Structure formats: structure tokens, C-alpha cells
Amino acid sequence: MANMSKAERISYIGERLQSLYPETPVPLDHQDSYTLLIAVLLSAQCTDERVNQVTPALFEQANSPDRMILLSVEAIRAIIRPCGLSPQKSKAIHRLSQILLDLYDGEVPADMAALEQLPGVGHKTASVVMAQAFGLPTFPVDTHIHRLAQRWGLTRGRNVVETERDLKRAFPIECWNALHLQIIFYGREYCTARGCDGRVCEICRTCYPARKHPKRCNKA
């Protein structure tokens, strides 16, 4: 059986993911845009499950910028230590909370450039907040989406920036926010880093039935 064309892959993947995951709940527990921002920051090199175990204790003490700055960096670090990178993350949380108070009246700005200027907030974190807190179309790409997009022949990107560009070109803008989560959900369930090599899961096998060797992916 021949491999699908790229147009066929795009159509099939979009339809299959929508059928598997018609609902796309935000994986990180949060109350508002501020708590989402903190949760996404904490999720860097950490699982969403671990973040959700840590944030209740943090948000019980400080679920807003004005309350967060009353905690010391050391106190924040003690709470978030299980998430890893706690020295950097605790400083970033404290500093960005002060900046939100100084520049934005304690509100999280619905502006990509402004978010990216905050300590500890890179492009991916800002994209997640824009999509999930404000419903604005972005396509956050992490290492997992980068890997699946290569396995599925949607990009040859050498990094997440190039992969994000290619995915935005491939799919309609109104699909971006849901699709970003659908790919994550599918990757966790079926197309894991060790569980699939580009020839195992349903989408990989359907898109590339003639693939003989493991798909080697560019690292993000």
C-alpha cells in the first residue's frame, strides 16, 4: 500500500484527532489567566500531572500577583521544588508577579510580545496562555508535538520554531488551539517517544503503510 500524499495526511490527521478528542480540556488545573500562566511556567521540563499535584498548595497561599509577592522566593521554591528547576522558576514567578503589578495593574496581558517579556516566559508558554486563557489562535509546539509532526510528515523542521510555522501553514487557523491539545493527547496515549517509532501507532501506520524503518526525527 502506498504512503499518503501530504494533503491526504493533513486531512486524515485532522479528522482522526477530532473524532478521538472532540473535547480538549486544558491539562493544567487553573482558576484564571494568572494561575494558568504560573502552571504553564512550572510545566517546563515537568509533567502536567506533577504540576497539578504542586499548584494547589501554591495557589492556596498565593493565587494572584499581589499575594504572590508577599511570599519570599525561598518560600515559593520550597513549594514548587518537585517540579524541578525550582531556583530559576521561583525567581521568575516572584519577578513576573511584581511586573504584572507594576505594568499591568495585576492582570495578565493578552499580548504575545508582552508575555514573552516576562521572566521565565518563552514563546511556547506565551502561546499556551494566549490560546487557553484568552482563546486567541496560536499553535504552541513542544518537543512532543515536534516529534509527532515529523513522524506524520507534516514538517521537516529542525526545531520547534520551524515546526510551528509548518503546522500553521498546514491547518486552518480555527483548528490551531484544539489541534495543539489533540496532538498532545494522542502522543501521550498512542505515539509516545518509546512506544512508537513512526511505524506502530494508528496514525503513523495509516499515513505511512510502506515505511520500513524507524522514523529518525530532528531534535527540537
C-alpha atoms as a PDB file:
ATOM      1  CA  MET A   1       0.000   0.000   0.000  1.00  0.00           C
ATOM      2  CA  ALA A   2       1.352   3.414  -0.953  1.00  0.00           C
ATOM      3  CA  ASN A   3       2.007   6.170   1.548  1.00  0.00           C
ATOM      4  CA  MET A   4      -0.467   9.064   1.644  1.00  0.00           C
ATOM      5  CA  SER A   5       0.237  12.391  -0.003  1.00  0.00           C
ATOM      6  CA  LYS A   6       0.798  15.330   2.329  1.00  0.00           C
ATOM      7  CA  ALA A   7      -2.662  16.745   1.590  1.00  0.00           C
ATOM      8  CA  GLU A   8      -4.194  13.359   2.399  1.00  0.00           C
ATOM      9  CA  ARG A   9      -2.214  13.150   5.645  1.00  0.00           C
ATOM     10  CA  ILE A  10      -3.331  16.612   6.749  1.00  0.00           C
ATOM     11  CA  SER A  11      -6.985  15.812   6.072  1.00  0.00           C
ATOM     12  CA  TYR A  12      -6.855  12.394   7.722  1.00  0.00           C
ATOM     13  CA  ILE A  13      -4.941  13.551  10.812  1.00  0.00           C
ATOM     14  CA  GLY A  14      -7.269  16.474  11.425  1.00  0.00           C
ATOM     15  CA  GLU A  15     -10.373  14.299  11.088  1.00  0.00           C
ATOM     16  CA  ARG A  16      -8.975  11.400  13.144  1.00  0.00           C
ATOM     17  CA  LEU A  17      -7.838  13.574  16.028  1.00  0.00           C
ATOM     18  CA  GLN A  18     -11.190  15.372  16.082  1.00  0.00           C
ATOM     19  CA  SER A  19     -13.011  12.041  16.276  1.00  0.00           C
ATOM     20  CA  LEU A  20     -10.744  10.783  19.065  1.00  0.00           C
ATOM     21  CA  TYR A  21     -10.714  14.011  21.072  1.00  0.00           C
ATOM     22  CA  PRO A  22     -13.805  16.109  20.331  1.00  0.00           C
ATOM     23  CA  GLU A  23     -13.317  17.821  23.697  1.00  0.00           C
ATOM     24  CA  THR A  24      -9.978  19.406  24.546  1.00  0.00           C
ATOM     25  CA  PRO A  25      -9.863  20.229  28.261  1.00  0.00           C
ATOM     26  CA  VAL A  26      -6.841  22.205  29.419  1.00  0.00           C
ATOM     27  CA  PRO A  27      -4.496  19.679  31.099  1.00  0.00           C
ATOM     28  CA  LEU A  28      -3.201  22.134  33.704  1.00  0.00           C
ATOM     29  CA  ASP A  29      -5.543  22.927  36.582  1.00  0.00           C
ATOM     30  CA  HIS A  30      -6.053  26.673  36.970  1.00  0.00           C
ATOM     31  CA  GLN A  31      -8.552  29.310  38.055  1.00  0.00           C
ATOM     32  CA  ASP A  32      -7.790  32.217  35.744  1.00  0.00           C
ATOM     33  CA  SER A  33      -5.160  33.605  33.386  1.00  0.00           C
ATOM     34  CA  TYR A  34      -2.663  34.252  36.190  1.00  0.00           C
ATOM     35  CA  THR A  35      -2.805  30.770  37.698  1.00  0.00           C
ATOM     36  CA  LEU A  36      -2.625  29.298  34.186  1.00  0.00           C
ATOM     37  CA  LEU A  37       0.482  31.367  33.455  1.00  0.00           C
ATOM     38  CA  ILE A  38       2.162  30.094  36.627  1.00  0.00           C
ATOM     39  CA  ALA A  39       1.146  26.497  35.912  1.00  0.00           C
ATOM     40  CA  VAL A  40       2.488  26.627  32.351  1.00  0.00           C
ATOM     41  CA  LEU A  41       5.746  28.146  33.591  1.00  0.00           C
ATOM     42  CA  LEU A  42       6.065  25.303  36.103  1.00  0.00           C
ATOM     43  CA  SER A  43       5.412  22.692  33.406  1.00  0.00           C
ATOM     44  CA  ALA A  44       8.743  23.339  31.682  1.00  0.00           C
ATOM     45  CA  GLN A  45      10.650  20.025  31.837  1.00  0.00           C
ATOM     46  CA  CYS A  46       7.954  18.686  34.151  1.00  0.00           C
ATOM     47  CA  THR A  47       4.795  16.639  33.619  1.00  0.00           C
ATOM     48  CA  ASP A  48       1.376  18.239  33.794  1.00  0.00           C
ATOM     49  CA  GLU A  49       0.425  15.633  36.390  1.00  0.00           C
ATOM     50  CA  ARG A  50       3.241  16.741  38.697  1.00  0.00           C
ATOM     51  CA  VAL A  51       2.350  20.409  38.218  1.00  0.00           C
ATOM     52  CA  ASN A  52      -1.262  19.671  39.149  1.00  0.00           C
ATOM     53  CA  GLN A  53      -0.021  17.998  42.335  1.00  0.00           C
ATOM     54  CA  VAL A  54       2.051  21.046  43.294  1.00  0.00           C
ATOM     55  CA  THR A  55      -0.102  24.045  42.367  1.00  0.00           C
ATOM     56  CA  PRO A  56      -2.938  23.569  44.899  1.00  0.00           C
ATOM     57  CA  ALA A  57      -0.559  24.288  47.788  1.00  0.00           C
ATOM     58  CA  LEU A  58       0.960  27.249  45.950  1.00  0.00           C
ATOM     59  CA  PHE A  59      -2.362  28.774  44.897  1.00  0.00           C
ATOM     60  CA  GLU A  60      -3.845  28.283  48.352  1.00  0.00           C
ATOM     61  CA  GLN A  61      -1.272  30.766  49.590  1.00  0.00           C
ATOM     62  CA  ALA A  62      -0.951  32.937  46.501  1.00  0.00           C
ATOM     63  CA  ASN A  63      -3.350  32.802  43.550  1.00  0.00           C
ATOM     64  CA  SER A  64      -2.778  36.397  42.428  1.00  0.00           C
ATOM     65  CA  PRO A  65       0.254  38.619  41.819  1.00  0.00           C
ATOM     66  CA  ASP A  66      -0.330  40.766  44.912  1.00  0.00           C
ATOM     67  CA  ARG A  67      -0.434  37.698  47.127  1.00  0.00           C
ATOM     68  CA  MET A  68       2.499  36.014  45.367  1.00  0.00           C
ATOM     69  CA  ILE A  69       4.912  38.873  46.021  1.00  0.00           C
ATOM     70  CA  LEU A  70       4.179  38.581  49.736  1.00  0.00           C
ATOM     71  CA  LEU A  71       5.896  35.197  49.639  1.00  0.00           C
ATOM     72  CA  SER A  72       9.669  35.073  49.586  1.00  0.00           C
ATOM     73  CA  VAL A  73      11.461  33.451  46.662  1.00  0.00           C
ATOM     74  CA  GLU A  74      12.599  30.790  49.131  1.00  0.00           C
ATOM     75  CA  ALA A  75       9.028  30.055  50.205  1.00  0.00           C
ATOM     76  CA  ILE A  76       7.909  29.715  46.585  1.00  0.00           C
ATOM     77  CA  ARG A  77      10.863  27.472  45.862  1.00  0.00           C
ATOM     78  CA  ALA A  78      10.040  25.169  48.767  1.00  0.00           C
ATOM     79  CA  ILE A  79       6.536  24.594  47.414  1.00  0.00           C
ATOM     80  CA  ILE A  80       7.443  24.107  43.747  1.00  0.00           C
ATOM     81  CA  ARG A  81      10.612  22.037  44.276  1.00  0.00           C
ATOM     82  CA  PRO A  82       9.015  18.791  42.981  1.00  0.00           C
ATOM     83  CA  CYS A  83       8.566  20.453  39.559  1.00  0.00           C
ATOM     84  CA  GLY A  84      12.311  20.789  39.036  1.00  0.00           C
ATOM     85  CA  LEU A  85      14.358  23.863  38.141  1.00  0.00           C
ATOM     86  CA  SER A  86      12.926  25.426  41.295  1.00  0.00           C
ATOM     87  CA  PRO A  87      15.686  28.062  41.786  1.00  0.00           C
ATOM     88  CA  GLN A  88      15.013  29.614  38.379  1.00  0.00           C
ATOM     89  CA  LYS A  89      11.260  29.112  38.429  1.00  0.00           C
ATOM     90  CA  SER A  90      10.745  30.590  41.905  1.00  0.00           C
ATOM     91  CA  LYS A  91      12.678  33.733  40.988  1.00  0.00           C
ATOM     92  CA  ALA A  92      10.759  34.057  37.719  1.00  0.00           C
ATOM     93  CA  ILE A  93       7.377  33.660  39.442  1.00  0.00           C
ATOM     94  CA  HIS A  94       8.194  36.325  42.002  1.00  0.00           C
ATOM     95  CA  ARG A  95       9.616  38.768  39.451  1.00  0.00           C
ATOM     96  CA  LEU A  96       6.855  38.365  36.887  1.00  0.00           C
ATOM     97  CA  SER A  97       4.237  38.858  39.598  1.00  0.00           C
ATOM     98  CA  GLN A  98       5.831  42.176  40.527  1.00  0.00           C
ATOM     99  CA  ILE A  99       5.991  43.198  36.869  1.00  0.00           C
ATOM    100  CA  LEU A 100       2.302  42.395  36.398  1.00  0.00           C
ATOM    101  CA  LEU A 101       1.507  44.666  39.322  1.00  0.00           C
ATOM    102  CA  ASP A 102       3.830  47.455  38.158  1.00  0.00           C
ATOM    103  CA  LEU A 103       2.932  47.475  34.466  1.00  0.00           C
ATOM    104  CA  TYR A 104      -0.437  45.763  34.011  1.00  0.00           C
ATOM    105  CA  ASP A 105      -2.467  46.509  37.160  1.00  0.00           C
ATOM    106  CA  GLY A 106      -2.010  42.917  38.250  1.00  0.00           C
ATOM    107  CA  GLU A 107      -3.583  41.493  35.085  1.00  0.00           C
ATOM    108  CA  VAL A 108      -2.008  39.066  32.624  1.00  0.00           C
ATOM    109  CA  PRO A 109      -1.733  40.894  29.277  1.00  0.00           C
ATOM    110  CA  ALA A 110      -3.452  39.263  26.301  1.00  0.00           C
ATOM    111  CA  ASP A 111      -0.475  40.179  24.138  1.00  0.00           C
ATOM    112  CA  MET A 112       2.167  37.765  22.868  1.00  0.00           C
ATOM    113  CA  ALA A 113       5.051  40.234  22.876  1.00  0.00           C
ATOM    114  CA  ALA A 114       4.229  41.453  26.388  1.00  0.00           C
ATOM    115  CA  LEU A 115       4.019  37.900  27.707  1.00  0.00           C
ATOM    116  CA  GLU A 116       7.335  36.944  26.149  1.00  0.00           C
ATOM    117  CA  GLN A 117       8.999  39.812  28.005  1.00  0.00           C
ATOM    118  CA  LEU A 118       8.038  38.335  31.382  1.00  0.00           C
ATOM    119  CA  PRO A 119      10.714  36.393  33.298  1.00  0.00           C
ATOM    120  CA  GLY A 120      10.561  32.662  32.676  1.00  0.00           C
ATOM    121  CA  VAL A 121       8.010  33.035  29.872  1.00  0.00           C
ATOM    122  CA  GLY A 122       9.202  31.906  26.465  1.00  0.00           C
ATOM    123  CA  HIS A 123       7.330  31.731  23.181  1.00  0.00           C
ATOM    124  CA  LYS A 124       5.738  28.361  23.902  1.00  0.00           C
ATOM    125  CA  THR A 125       4.478  29.408  27.350  1.00  0.00           C
ATOM    126  CA  ALA A 126       3.124  32.670  25.948  1.00  0.00           C
ATOM    127  CA  SER A 127       1.399  30.768  23.132  1.00  0.00           C
ATOM    128  CA  VAL A 128      -0.306  28.399  25.573  1.00  0.00           C
ATOM    129  CA  VAL A 129      -1.595  31.296  27.668  1.00  0.00           C
ATOM    130  CA  MET A 130      -2.843  33.159  24.601  1.00  0.00           C
ATOM    131  CA  ALA A 131      -4.689  30.053  23.399  1.00  0.00           C
ATOM    132  CA  GLN A 132      -6.026  28.620  26.634  1.00  0.00           C
ATOM    133  CA  ALA A 133      -6.622  31.742  28.713  1.00  0.00           C
ATOM    134  CA  PHE A 134      -7.758  34.146  26.002  1.00  0.00           C
ATOM    135  CA  GLY A 135      -8.902  31.876  23.164  1.00  0.00           C
ATOM    136  CA  LEU A 136      -6.644  33.594  20.652  1.00  0.00           C
ATOM    137  CA  PRO A 137      -5.291  31.393  17.841  1.00  0.00           C
ATOM    138  CA  THR A 138      -1.768  30.119  18.436  1.00  0.00           C
ATOM    139  CA  PHE A 139      -0.082  26.776  17.840  1.00  0.00           C
ATOM    140  CA  PRO A 140       2.212  26.046  20.802  1.00  0.00           C
ATOM    141  CA  VAL A 141       4.799  23.443  19.814  1.00  0.00           C
ATOM    142  CA  ASP A 142       6.769  21.484  22.372  1.00  0.00           C
ATOM    143  CA  THR A 143       9.204  18.622  21.832  1.00  0.00           C
ATOM    144  CA  HIS A 144       6.351  16.080  21.731  1.00  0.00           C
ATOM    145  CA  ILE A 145       4.389  17.893  19.001  1.00  0.00           C
ATOM    146  CA  HIS A 146       7.668  18.473  17.144  1.00  0.00           C
ATOM    147  CA  ARG A 147       8.341  14.713  17.163  1.00  0.00           C
ATOM    148  CA  LEU A 148       4.848  13.679  16.042  1.00  0.00           C
ATOM    149  CA  ALA A 149       4.709  16.303  13.289  1.00  0.00           C
ATOM    150  CA  GLN A 150       7.895  14.791  11.848  1.00  0.00           C
ATOM    151  CA  ARG A 151       6.659  11.225  12.169  1.00  0.00           C
ATOM    152  CA  TRP A 152       3.486  12.227  10.323  1.00  0.00           C
ATOM    153  CA  GLY A 153       5.311  14.061   7.538  1.00  0.00           C
ATOM    154  CA  LEU A 154       3.867  17.454   8.423  1.00  0.00           C
ATOM    155  CA  THR A 155       7.249  19.156   8.770  1.00  0.00           C
ATOM    156  CA  ARG A 156      10.953  18.753   8.244  1.00  0.00           C
ATOM    157  CA  GLY A 157      11.573  21.425  10.841  1.00  0.00           C
ATOM    158  CA  ARG A 158      14.916  21.391  12.568  1.00  0.00           C
ATOM    159  CA  ASN A 159      13.421  22.989  15.668  1.00  0.00           C
ATOM    160  CA  VAL A 160      10.079  23.900  17.259  1.00  0.00           C
ATOM    161  CA  VAL A 161      10.056  27.309  15.542  1.00  0.00           C
ATOM    162  CA  GLU A 162      10.159  25.775  12.066  1.00  0.00           C
ATOM    163  CA  THR A 163       7.646  23.084  13.053  1.00  0.00           C
ATOM    164  CA  GLU A 164       5.224  25.705  14.393  1.00  0.00           C
ATOM    165  CA  ARG A 165       5.486  27.584  11.090  1.00  0.00           C
ATOM    166  CA  ASP A 166       4.764  24.443   9.065  1.00  0.00           C
ATOM    167  CA  LEU A 167       1.806  23.355  11.209  1.00  0.00           C
ATOM    168  CA  LYS A 168       0.249  26.805  10.959  1.00  0.00           C
ATOM    169  CA  ARG A 169       0.543  26.579   7.182  1.00  0.00           C
ATOM    170  CA  ALA A 170      -0.943  23.077   7.088  1.00  0.00           C
ATOM    171  CA  PHE A 171      -4.066  23.549   9.202  1.00  0.00           C
ATOM    172  CA  PRO A 172      -6.814  26.222   9.247  1.00  0.00           C
ATOM    173  CA  ILE A 173      -6.381  28.872  11.935  1.00  0.00           C
ATOM    174  CA  GLU A 174      -9.665  27.952  13.596  1.00  0.00           C
ATOM    175  CA  CYS A 175      -8.262  24.471  14.334  1.00  0.00           C
ATOM    176  CA  TRP A 176      -4.980  25.521  15.927  1.00  0.00           C
ATOM    177  CA  ASN A 177      -5.935  25.741  19.597  1.00  0.00           C
ATOM    178  CA  ALA A 178      -7.784  22.437  19.707  1.00  0.00           C
ATOM    179  CA  LEU A 179      -5.318  20.644  17.438  1.00  0.00           C
ATOM    180  CA  HIS A 180      -2.350  21.546  19.611  1.00  0.00           C
ATOM    181  CA  LEU A 181      -4.024  19.752  22.540  1.00  0.00           C
ATOM    182  CA  GLN A 182      -5.313  16.876  20.397  1.00  0.00           C
ATOM    183  CA  ILE A 183      -1.783  16.097  19.200  1.00  0.00           C
ATOM    184  CA  ILE A 184      -0.537  16.167  22.803  1.00  0.00           C
ATOM    185  CA  PHE A 185      -3.338  13.833  23.945  1.00  0.00           C
ATOM    186  CA  TYR A 186      -2.697  11.424  21.073  1.00  0.00           C
ATOM    187  CA  GLY A 187       1.043  11.456  21.653  1.00  0.00           C
ATOM    188  CA  ARG A 188       0.632  10.595  25.322  1.00  0.00           C
ATOM    189  CA  GLU A 189      -1.810   7.782  24.604  1.00  0.00           C
ATOM    190  CA  TYR A 190      -0.586   6.199  21.366  1.00  0.00           C
ATOM    191  CA  CYS A 191       2.534   7.765  19.837  1.00  0.00           C
ATOM    192  CA  THR A 192       4.934   8.042  22.753  1.00  0.00           C
ATOM    193  CA  ALA A 193       8.664   8.643  22.494  1.00  0.00           C
ATOM    194  CA  ARG A 194       9.460   4.976  23.192  1.00  0.00           C
ATOM    195  CA  GLY A 195       6.166   3.316  22.291  1.00  0.00           C
ATOM    196  CA  CYS A 196       6.156   4.291  18.615  1.00  0.00           C
ATOM    197  CA  ASP A 197       8.996   4.825  16.172  1.00  0.00           C
ATOM    198  CA  GLY A 198       6.876   6.029  13.280  1.00  0.00           C
ATOM    199  CA  ARG A 199       5.569   2.544  12.377  1.00  0.00           C
ATOM    200  CA  VAL A 200       3.497   1.462  15.393  1.00  0.00           C
ATOM    201  CA  CYS A 201       0.525   3.718  16.185  1.00  0.00           C
ATOM    202  CA  GLU A 202      -2.605   4.008  14.055  1.00  0.00           C
ATOM    203  CA  ILE A 203      -1.831   7.421  12.560  1.00  0.00           C
ATOM    204  CA  CYS A 204       1.769   6.531  11.720  1.00  0.00           C
ATOM    205  CA  ARG A 205       0.699   3.231  10.114  1.00  0.00           C
ATOM    206  CA  THR A 206      -2.133   4.862   8.170  1.00  0.00           C
ATOM    207  CA  CYS A 207      -0.040   7.764   6.868  1.00  0.00           C
ATOM    208  CA  TYR A 208       2.993   5.609   6.063  1.00  0.00           C
ATOM    209  CA  PRO A 209       1.940   1.974   5.494  1.00  0.00           C
ATOM    210  CA  ALA A 210       5.021   1.421   3.331  1.00  0.00           C
ATOM    211  CA  ARG A 211       7.504   2.772   5.887  1.00  0.00           C
ATOM    212  CA  LYS A 212      10.133   0.098   6.512  1.00  0.00           C
ATOM    213  CA  HIS A 213      12.451   1.730   9.031  1.00  0.00           C
ATOM    214  CA  PRO A 214      12.010   3.800  12.198  1.00  0.00           C
ATOM    215  CA  LYS A 215      11.483   7.494  11.541  1.00  0.00           C
ATOM    216  CA  ARG A 216      14.500   9.435  12.680  1.00  0.00           C
ATOM    217  CA  CYS A 217      13.408  12.843  13.958  1.00  0.00           C
ATOM    218  CA  ASN A 218      15.314  16.072  14.230  1.00  0.00           C
ATOM    219  CA  LYS A 219      15.712  17.002  17.879  1.00  0.00           C
ATOM    220  CA  ALA A 220      13.891  20.137  18.956  1.00  0.00           C
END
